[in-house]
Amino acid sequence: MSQKELAELTNEELLQETKKTKSTKIFDAAIFGFLIGVAVYSAVRNGFGLLTFLPLIYIPIAAKNKARSKDLEVLLKERNLK
């Protein structure tokens, strides 16, 4: 959802989206930690290779999720819901 689509949501829907973003933050951290572990294991075991740079693929996805979370927080503050 873009900023415009977030602005069109009702207060209840915004609060539900906030709950979803909390679980998304945990999921992003878990996936990124796992990918870092795979990269370190790959670098130690086989030297630098394709799996060593695997976490770099997930960075744009996590950045997009974080930006959406920030937009949601701003919208919640505008509506005095948080």
PDB file of N, CA and C in Angstrom:
ATOM      1  N   MET A   1       0.832  -1.182   0.000  1.00  0.00           N
ATOM      2  CA  MET A   1       0.000   0.000   0.000  1.00  0.00           C
ATOM      3  C   MET A   1       0.878   1.247   0.000  1.00  0.00           C
ATOM      4  N   SER A   2       0.457   2.210  -0.762  1.00  0.00           N
ATOM      5  CA  SER A   2       1.189   3.465  -0.778  1.00  0.00           C
ATOM      6  C   SER A   2       0.660   4.384   0.312  1.00  0.00           C
ATOM      7  N   GLN A   3       1.266   5.555   0.437  1.00  0.00           N
ATOM      8  CA  GLN A   3       0.838   6.521   1.447  1.00  0.00           C
ATOM      9  C   GLN A   3      -0.619   6.911   1.215  1.00  0.00           C
ATOM     10  N   LYS A   4      -1.010   7.083  -0.049  1.00  0.00           N
ATOM     11  CA  LYS A   4      -2.378   7.466  -0.368  1.00  0.00           C
ATOM     12  C   LYS A   4      -3.356   6.390   0.092  1.00  0.00           C
ATOM     13  N   GLU A   5      -3.020   5.155  -0.143  1.00  0.00           N
ATOM     14  CA  GLU A   5      -3.896   4.061   0.268  1.00  0.00           C
ATOM     15  C   GLU A   5      -3.979   3.962   1.786  1.00  0.00           C
ATOM     16  N   LEU A   6      -2.886   4.239   2.478  1.00  0.00           N
ATOM     17  CA  LEU A   6      -2.917   4.229   3.940  1.00  0.00           C
ATOM     18  C   LEU A   6      -3.817   5.337   4.460  1.00  0.00           C
ATOM     19  N   ALA A   7      -3.806   6.474   3.806  1.00  0.00           N
ATOM     20  CA  ALA A   7      -4.620   7.610   4.241  1.00  0.00           C
ATOM     21  C   ALA A   7      -6.109   7.332   4.083  1.00  0.00           C
ATOM     22  N   GLU A   8      -6.460   6.436   3.190  1.00  0.00           N
ATOM     23  CA  GLU A   8      -7.859   6.124   2.948  1.00  0.00           C
ATOM     24  C   GLU A   8      -8.423   5.113   3.943  1.00  0.00           C
ATOM     25  N   LEU A   9      -7.591   4.508   4.761  1.00  0.00           N
ATOM     26  CA  LEU A   9      -8.051   3.514   5.722  1.00  0.00           C
ATOM     27  C   LEU A   9      -8.763   4.175   6.901  1.00  0.00           C
ATOM     28  N   THR A  10      -9.669   3.426   7.497  1.00  0.00           N
ATOM     29  CA  THR A  10     -10.339   3.918   8.694  1.00  0.00           C
ATOM     30  C   THR A  10      -9.409   3.780   9.886  1.00  0.00           C
ATOM     31  N   ASN A  11      -9.806   4.360  11.010  1.00  0.00           N
ATOM     32  CA  ASN A  11      -8.978   4.290  12.222  1.00  0.00           C
ATOM     33  C   ASN A  11      -8.769   2.849  12.674  1.00  0.00           C
ATOM     34  N   GLU A  12      -9.816   2.040  12.624  1.00  0.00           N
ATOM     35  CA  GLU A  12      -9.713   0.640  13.053  1.00  0.00           C
ATOM     36  C   GLU A  12      -8.772  -0.139  12.129  1.00  0.00           C
ATOM     37  N   GLU A  13      -8.869   0.126  10.832  1.00  0.00           N
ATOM     38  CA  GLU A  13      -7.995  -0.563   9.882  1.00  0.00           C
ATOM     39  C   GLU A  13      -6.541  -0.148  10.082  1.00  0.00           C
ATOM     40  N   LEU A  14      -6.322   1.126  10.419  1.00  0.00           N
ATOM     41  CA  LEU A  14      -4.961   1.586  10.696  1.00  0.00           C
ATOM     42  C   LEU A  14      -4.372   0.878  11.908  1.00  0.00           C
ATOM     43  N   LEU A  15      -5.173   0.710  12.932  1.00  0.00           N
ATOM     44  CA  LEU A  15      -4.693   0.019  14.128  1.00  0.00           C
ATOM     45  C   LEU A  15      -4.376  -1.442  13.825  1.00  0.00           C
ATOM     46  N   GLN A  16      -5.157  -2.061  12.952  1.00  0.00           N
ATOM     47  CA  GLN A  16      -4.875  -3.442  12.546  1.00  0.00           C
ATOM     48  C   GLN A  16      -3.581  -3.508  11.741  1.00  0.00           C
ATOM     49  N   GLU A  17      -3.361  -2.537  10.878  1.00  0.00           N
ATOM     50  CA  GLU A  17      -2.117  -2.484  10.112  1.00  0.00           C
ATOM     51  C   GLU A  17      -0.915  -2.309  11.031  1.00  0.00           C
ATOM     52  N   THR A  18      -1.089  -1.550  12.114  1.00  0.00           N
ATOM     53  CA  THR A  18      -0.007  -1.359  13.078  1.00  0.00           C
ATOM     54  C   THR A  18       0.385  -2.687  13.712  1.00  0.00           C
ATOM     55  N   LYS A  19      -0.606  -3.497  14.038  1.00  0.00           N
ATOM     56  CA  LYS A  19      -0.319  -4.813  14.611  1.00  0.00           C
ATOM     57  C   LYS A  19       0.440  -5.679  13.606  1.00  0.00           C
ATOM     58  N   LYS A  20       0.072  -5.583  12.333  1.00  0.00           N
ATOM     59  CA  LYS A  20       0.756  -6.361  11.300  1.00  0.00           C
ATOM     60  C   LYS A  20       2.207  -5.912  11.142  1.00  0.00           C
ATOM     61  N   THR A  21       2.440  -4.611  11.227  1.00  0.00           N
ATOM     62  CA  THR A  21       3.806  -4.117  11.043  1.00  0.00           C
ATOM     63  C   THR A  21       4.706  -4.533  12.201  1.00  0.00           C
ATOM     64  N   LYS A  22       4.139  -4.689  13.390  1.00  0.00           N
ATOM     65  CA  LYS A  22       4.950  -5.159  14.518  1.00  0.00           C
ATOM     66  C   LYS A  22       5.461  -6.567  14.241  1.00  0.00           C
ATOM     67  N   SER A  23       4.586  -7.426  13.727  1.00  0.00           N
ATOM     68  CA  SER A  23       5.034  -8.788  13.431  1.00  0.00           C
ATOM     69  C   SER A  23       5.974  -8.789  12.228  1.00  0.00           C
ATOM     70  N   THR A  24       5.797  -7.843  11.319  1.00  0.00           N
ATOM     71  CA  THR A  24       6.684  -7.750  10.157  1.00  0.00           C
ATOM     72  C   THR A  24       8.095  -7.368  10.587  1.00  0.00           C
ATOM     73  N   LYS A  25       8.213  -6.489  11.573  1.00  0.00           N
ATOM     74  CA  LYS A  25       9.532  -6.095  12.072  1.00  0.00           C
ATOM     75  C   LYS A  25      10.265  -7.301  12.646  1.00  0.00           C
ATOM     76  N   ILE A  26       9.564  -8.113  13.415  1.00  0.00           N
ATOM     77  CA  ILE A  26      10.165  -9.308  14.008  1.00  0.00           C
ATOM     78  C   ILE A  26      10.561 -10.293  12.915  1.00  0.00           C
ATOM     79  N   PHE A  27       9.686 -10.461  11.939  1.00  0.00           N
ATOM     80  CA  PHE A  27       9.961 -11.373  10.832  1.00  0.00           C
ATOM     81  C   PHE A  27      11.179 -10.911  10.035  1.00  0.00           C
ATOM     82  N   ASP A  28      11.254  -9.608   9.739  1.00  0.00           N
ATOM     83  CA  ASP A  28      12.407  -9.069   9.011  1.00  0.00           C
ATOM     84  C   ASP A  28      13.705  -9.312   9.774  1.00  0.00           C
ATOM     85  N   ALA A  29      13.672  -9.079  11.071  1.00  0.00           N
ATOM     86  CA  ALA A  29      14.875  -9.280  11.886  1.00  0.00           C
ATOM     87  C   ALA A  29      15.290 -10.753  11.895  1.00  0.00           C
ATOM     88  N   ALA A  30      14.321 -11.658  11.995  1.00  0.00           N
ATOM     89  CA  ALA A  30      14.625 -13.087  12.012  1.00  0.00           C
ATOM     90  C   ALA A  30      15.207 -13.549  10.673  1.00  0.00           C
ATOM     91  N   ILE A  31      14.590 -13.131   9.593  1.00  0.00           N
ATOM     92  CA  ILE A  31      15.076 -13.518   8.264  1.00  0.00           C
ATOM     93  C   ILE A  31      16.474 -12.959   8.021  1.00  0.00           C
ATOM     94  N   PHE A  32      16.668 -11.678   8.374  1.00  0.00           N
ATOM     95  CA  PHE A  32      17.975 -11.065   8.149  1.00  0.00           C
ATOM     96  C   PHE A  32      19.045 -11.743   9.005  1.00  0.00           C
ATOM     97  N   GLY A  33      18.722 -12.084  10.249  1.00  0.00           N
ATOM     98  CA  GLY A  33      19.667 -12.800  11.104  1.00  0.00           C
ATOM     99  C   GLY A  33      20.020 -14.162  10.536  1.00  0.00           C
ATOM    100  N   PHE A  34      19.017 -14.867  10.035  1.00  0.00           N
ATOM    101  CA  PHE A  34      19.253 -16.165   9.421  1.00  0.00           C
ATOM    102  C   PHE A  34      20.161 -16.038   8.196  1.00  0.00           C
ATOM    103  N   LEU A  35      19.891 -15.029   7.370  1.00  0.00           N
ATOM    104  CA  LEU A  35      20.707 -14.830   6.172  1.00  0.00           C
ATOM    105  C   LEU A  35      22.142 -14.452   6.520  1.00  0.00           C
ATOM    106  N   ILE A  36      22.317 -13.672   7.571  1.00  0.00           N
ATOM    107  CA  ILE A  36      23.675 -13.337   8.026  1.00  0.00           C
ATOM    108  C   ILE A  36      24.391 -14.603   8.484  1.00  0.00           C
ATOM    109  N   GLY A  37      23.669 -15.452   9.205  1.00  0.00           N
ATOM    110  CA  GLY A  37      24.256 -16.722   9.648  1.00  0.00           C
ATOM    111  C   GLY A  37      24.669 -17.590   8.480  1.00  0.00           C
ATOM    112  N   VAL A  38      23.834 -17.685   7.460  1.00  0.00           N
ATOM    113  CA  VAL A  38      24.162 -18.468   6.268  1.00  0.00           C
ATOM    114  C   VAL A  38      25.389 -17.873   5.579  1.00  0.00           C
ATOM    115  N   ALA A  39      25.448 -16.542   5.507  1.00  0.00           N
ATOM    116  CA  ALA A  39      26.583 -15.881   4.851  1.00  0.00           C
ATOM    117  C   ALA A  39      27.880 -16.140   5.606  1.00  0.00           C
ATOM    118  N   VAL A  40      27.846 -16.051   6.928  1.00  0.00           N
ATOM    119  CA  VAL A  40      29.055 -16.289   7.726  1.00  0.00           C
ATOM    120  C   VAL A  40      29.489 -17.745   7.593  1.00  0.00           C
ATOM    121  N   TYR A  41      28.540 -18.664   7.689  1.00  0.00           N
ATOM    122  CA  TYR A  41      28.864 -20.078   7.540  1.00  0.00           C
ATOM    123  C   TYR A  41      29.469 -20.354   6.161  1.00  0.00           C
ATOM    124  N   SER A  42      28.862 -19.770   5.129  1.00  0.00           N
ATOM    125  CA  SER A  42      29.364 -19.969   3.773  1.00  0.00           C
ATOM    126  C   SER A  42      30.768 -19.400   3.609  1.00  0.00           C
ATOM    127  N   ALA A  43      31.006 -18.227   4.195  1.00  0.00           N
ATOM    128  CA  ALA A  43      32.326 -17.598   4.071  1.00  0.00           C
ATOM    129  C   ALA A  43      33.390 -18.411   4.797  1.00  0.00           C
ATOM    130  N   VAL A  44      33.042 -18.948   5.966  1.00  0.00           N
ATOM    131  CA  VAL A  44      34.008 -19.740   6.732  1.00  0.00           C
ATOM    132  C   VAL A  44      34.250 -21.087   6.058  1.00  0.00           C
ATOM    133  N   ARG A  45      33.175 -21.696   5.601  1.00  0.00           N
ATOM    134  CA  ARG A  45      33.271 -23.045   5.046  1.00  0.00           C
ATOM    135  C   ARG A  45      33.876 -23.063   3.637  1.00  0.00           C
ATOM    136  N   ASN A  46      33.388 -22.177   2.762  1.00  0.00           N
ATOM    137  CA  ASN A  46      33.768 -22.245   1.353  1.00  0.00           C
ATOM    138  C   ASN A  46      34.487 -21.002   0.843  1.00  0.00           C
ATOM    139  N   GLY A  47      34.736 -20.042   1.691  1.00  0.00           N
ATOM    140  CA  GLY A  47      35.296 -18.776   1.215  1.00  0.00           C
ATOM    141  C   GLY A  47      34.172 -17.906   0.667  1.00  0.00           C
ATOM    142  N   PHE A  48      34.552 -16.790   0.088  1.00  0.00           N
ATOM    143  CA  PHE A  48      33.535 -15.886  -0.436  1.00  0.00           C
ATOM    144  C   PHE A  48      32.918 -16.456  -1.696  1.00  0.00           C
ATOM    145  N   GLY A  49      31.590 -16.390  -1.741  1.00  0.00           N
ATOM    146  CA  GLY A  49      30.860 -16.903  -2.890  1.00  0.00           C
ATOM    147  C   GLY A  49      29.490 -16.259  -2.954  1.00  0.00           C
ATOM    148  N   LEU A  50      28.600 -16.886  -3.681  1.00  0.00           N
ATOM    149  CA  LEU A  50      27.261 -16.350  -3.880  1.00  0.00           C
ATOM    150  C   LEU A  50      26.484 -16.245  -2.566  1.00  0.00           C
ATOM    151  N   LEU A  51      26.557 -17.258  -1.733  1.00  0.00           N
ATOM    152  CA  LEU A  51      25.805 -17.245  -0.483  1.00  0.00           C
ATOM    153  C   LEU A  51      26.325 -16.213   0.515  1.00  0.00           C
ATOM    154  N   THR A  52      27.543 -15.783   0.338  1.00  0.00           N
ATOM    155  CA  THR A  52      28.104 -14.782   1.230  1.00  0.00           C
ATOM    156  C   THR A  52      27.370 -13.448   1.092  1.00  0.00           C
ATOM    157  N   PHE A  53      26.904 -13.161  -0.102  1.00  0.00           N
ATOM    158  CA  PHE A  53      26.238 -11.888  -0.367  1.00  0.00           C
ATOM    159  C   PHE A  53      24.715 -12.009  -0.386  1.00  0.00           C
ATOM    160  N   LEU A  54      24.195 -13.110   0.085  1.00  0.00           N
ATOM    161  CA  LEU A  54      22.751 -13.353   0.121  1.00  0.00           C
ATOM    162  C   LEU A  54      21.981 -12.317   0.939  1.00  0.00           C
ATOM    163  N   PRO A  55      22.473 -11.844   2.076  1.00  0.00           N
ATOM    164  CA  PRO A  55      21.711 -10.833   2.830  1.00  0.00           C
ATOM    165  C   PRO A  55      21.500  -9.527   2.069  1.00  0.00           C
ATOM    166  N   LEU A  56      22.355  -9.229   1.119  1.00  0.00           N
ATOM    167  CA  LEU A  56      22.201  -8.001   0.341  1.00  0.00           C
ATOM    168  C   LEU A  56      20.929  -8.004  -0.496  1.00  0.00           C
ATOM    169  N   ILE A  57      20.447  -9.184  -0.829  1.00  0.00           N
ATOM    170  CA  ILE A  57      19.221  -9.306  -1.615  1.00  0.00           C
ATOM    171  C   ILE A  57      18.008  -8.907  -0.774  1.00  0.00           C
ATOM    172  N   TYR A  58      18.047  -9.167   0.510  1.00  0.00           N
ATOM    173  CA  TYR A  58      16.892  -8.908   1.377  1.00  0.00           C
ATOM    174  C   TYR A  58      16.844  -7.470   1.892  1.00  0.00           C
ATOM    175  N   ILE A  59      17.925  -6.730   1.798  1.00  0.00           N
ATOM    176  CA  ILE A  59      17.963  -5.360   2.321  1.00  0.00           C
ATOM    177  C   ILE A  59      16.892  -4.467   1.698  1.00  0.00           C
ATOM    178  N   PRO A  60      16.666  -4.466   0.376  1.00  0.00           N
ATOM    179  CA  PRO A  60      15.606  -3.593  -0.175  1.00  0.00           C
ATOM    180  C   PRO A  60      14.209  -3.947   0.325  1.00  0.00           C
ATOM    181  N   ILE A  61      13.949  -5.215   0.545  1.00  0.00           N
ATOM    182  CA  ILE A  61      12.643  -5.633   1.045  1.00  0.00           C
ATOM    183  C   ILE A  61      12.443  -5.123   2.467  1.00  0.00           C
ATOM    184  N   ALA A  62      13.456  -5.279   3.299  1.00  0.00           N
ATOM    185  CA  ALA A  62      13.369  -4.795   4.677  1.00  0.00           C
ATOM    186  C   ALA A  62      13.264  -3.274   4.722  1.00  0.00           C
ATOM    187  N   ALA A  63      13.949  -2.583   3.826  1.00  0.00           N
ATOM    188  CA  ALA A  63      13.882  -1.120   3.783  1.00  0.00           C
ATOM    189  C   ALA A  63      12.484  -0.653   3.386  1.00  0.00           C
ATOM    190  N   LYS A  64      11.865  -1.352   2.459  1.00  0.00           N
ATOM    191  CA  LYS A  64      10.505  -1.013   2.039  1.00  0.00           C
ATOM    192  C   LYS A  64       9.525  -1.212   3.204  1.00  0.00           C
ATOM    193  N   ASN A  65       9.688  -2.301   3.930  1.00  0.00           N
ATOM    194  CA  ASN A  65       8.823  -2.557   5.080  1.00  0.00           C
ATOM    195  C   ASN A  65       9.012  -1.500   6.157  1.00  0.00           C
ATOM    196  N   LYS A  66      10.243  -1.069   6.372  1.00  0.00           N
ATOM    197  CA  LYS A  66      10.518  -0.058   7.385  1.00  0.00           C
ATOM    198  C   LYS A  66       9.933   1.290   6.980  1.00  0.00           C
ATOM    199  N   ALA A  67      10.031   1.645   5.708  1.00  0.00           N
ATOM    200  CA  ALA A  67       9.475   2.906   5.221  1.00  0.00           C
ATOM    201  C   ALA A  67       7.951   2.908   5.369  1.00  0.00           C
ATOM    202  N   ARG A  68       7.336   1.790   5.077  1.00  0.00           N
ATOM    203  CA  ARG A  68       5.880   1.681   5.227  1.00  0.00           C
ATOM    204  C   ARG A  68       5.486   1.814   6.689  1.00  0.00           C
ATOM    205  N   SER A  69       6.275   1.232   7.559  1.00  0.00           N
ATOM    206  CA  SER A  69       6.013   1.331   8.994  1.00  0.00           C
ATOM    207  C   SER A  69       6.120   2.774   9.467  1.00  0.00           C
ATOM    208  N   LYS A  70       7.109   3.505   8.972  1.00  0.00           N
ATOM    209  CA  LYS A  70       7.253   4.920   9.343  1.00  0.00           C
ATOM    210  C   LYS A  70       6.072   5.741   8.846  1.00  0.00           C
ATOM    211  N   ASP A  71       5.631   5.475   7.609  1.00  0.00           N
ATOM    212  CA  ASP A  71       4.468   6.183   7.067  1.00  0.00           C
ATOM    213  C   ASP A  71       3.232   5.926   7.920  1.00  0.00           C
ATOM    214  N   LEU A  72       3.096   4.702   8.363  1.00  0.00           N
ATOM    215  CA  LEU A  72       1.961   4.334   9.198  1.00  0.00           C
ATOM    216  C   LEU A  72       2.015   5.047  10.548  1.00  0.00           C
ATOM    217  N   GLU A  73       3.207   5.143  11.126  1.00  0.00           N
ATOM    218  CA  GLU A  73       3.374   5.842  12.403  1.00  0.00           C
ATOM    219  C   GLU A  73       3.011   7.322  12.270  1.00  0.00           C
ATOM    220  N   VAL A  74       3.438   7.945  11.177  1.00  0.00           N
ATOM    221  CA  VAL A  74       3.126   9.359  10.944  1.00  0.00           C
ATOM    222  C   VAL A  74       1.621   9.551  10.825  1.00  0.00           C
ATOM    223  N   LEU A  75       0.966   8.667  10.106  1.00  0.00           N
ATOM    224  CA  LEU A  75      -0.472   8.757   9.927  1.00  0.00           C
ATOM    225  C   LEU A  75      -1.205   8.545  11.249  1.00  0.00           C
ATOM    226  N   LEU A  76      -0.707   7.637  12.075  1.00  0.00           N
ATOM    227  CA  LEU A  76      -1.316   7.421  13.392  1.00  0.00           C
ATOM    228  C   LEU A  76      -1.195   8.662  14.268  1.00  0.00           C
ATOM    229  N   LYS A  77      -0.053   9.327  14.210  1.00  0.00           N
ATOM    230  CA  LYS A  77       0.135  10.553  15.003  1.00  0.00           C
ATOM    231  C   LYS A  77      -0.752  11.678  14.497  1.00  0.00           C
ATOM    232  N   GLU A  78      -0.948  11.758  13.167  1.00  0.00           N
ATOM    233  CA  GLU A  78      -1.824  12.786  12.608  1.00  0.00           C
ATOM    234  C   GLU A  78      -3.267  12.614  13.084  1.00  0.00           C
ATOM    235  N   ARG A  79      -3.681  11.365  13.218  1.00  0.00           N
ATOM    236  CA  ARG A  79      -5.058  11.091  13.640  1.00  0.00           C
ATOM    237  C   ARG A  79      -5.191  10.944  15.150  1.00  0.00           C
ATOM    238  N   ASN A  80      -4.117  11.174  15.871  1.00  0.00           N
ATOM    239  CA  ASN A  80      -4.100  11.067  17.336  1.00  0.00           C
ATOM    240  C   ASN A  80      -4.550   9.699  17.826  1.00  0.00           C
ATOM    241  N   LEU A  81      -4.088   8.681  17.174  1.00  0.00           N
ATOM    242  CA  LEU A  81      -4.413   7.303  17.577  1.00  0.00           C
ATOM    243  C   LEU A  81      -3.312   6.685  18.399  1.00  0.00           C
ATOM    244  N   LYS A  82      -2.175   7.368  18.468  1.00  0.00           N
ATOM    245  CA  LYS A  82      -1.078   6.796  19.245  1.00  0.00           C
ATOM    246  C   LYS A  82      -0.440   7.874  20.079  1.00  0.00           C
TER     247      LYS A  82
END
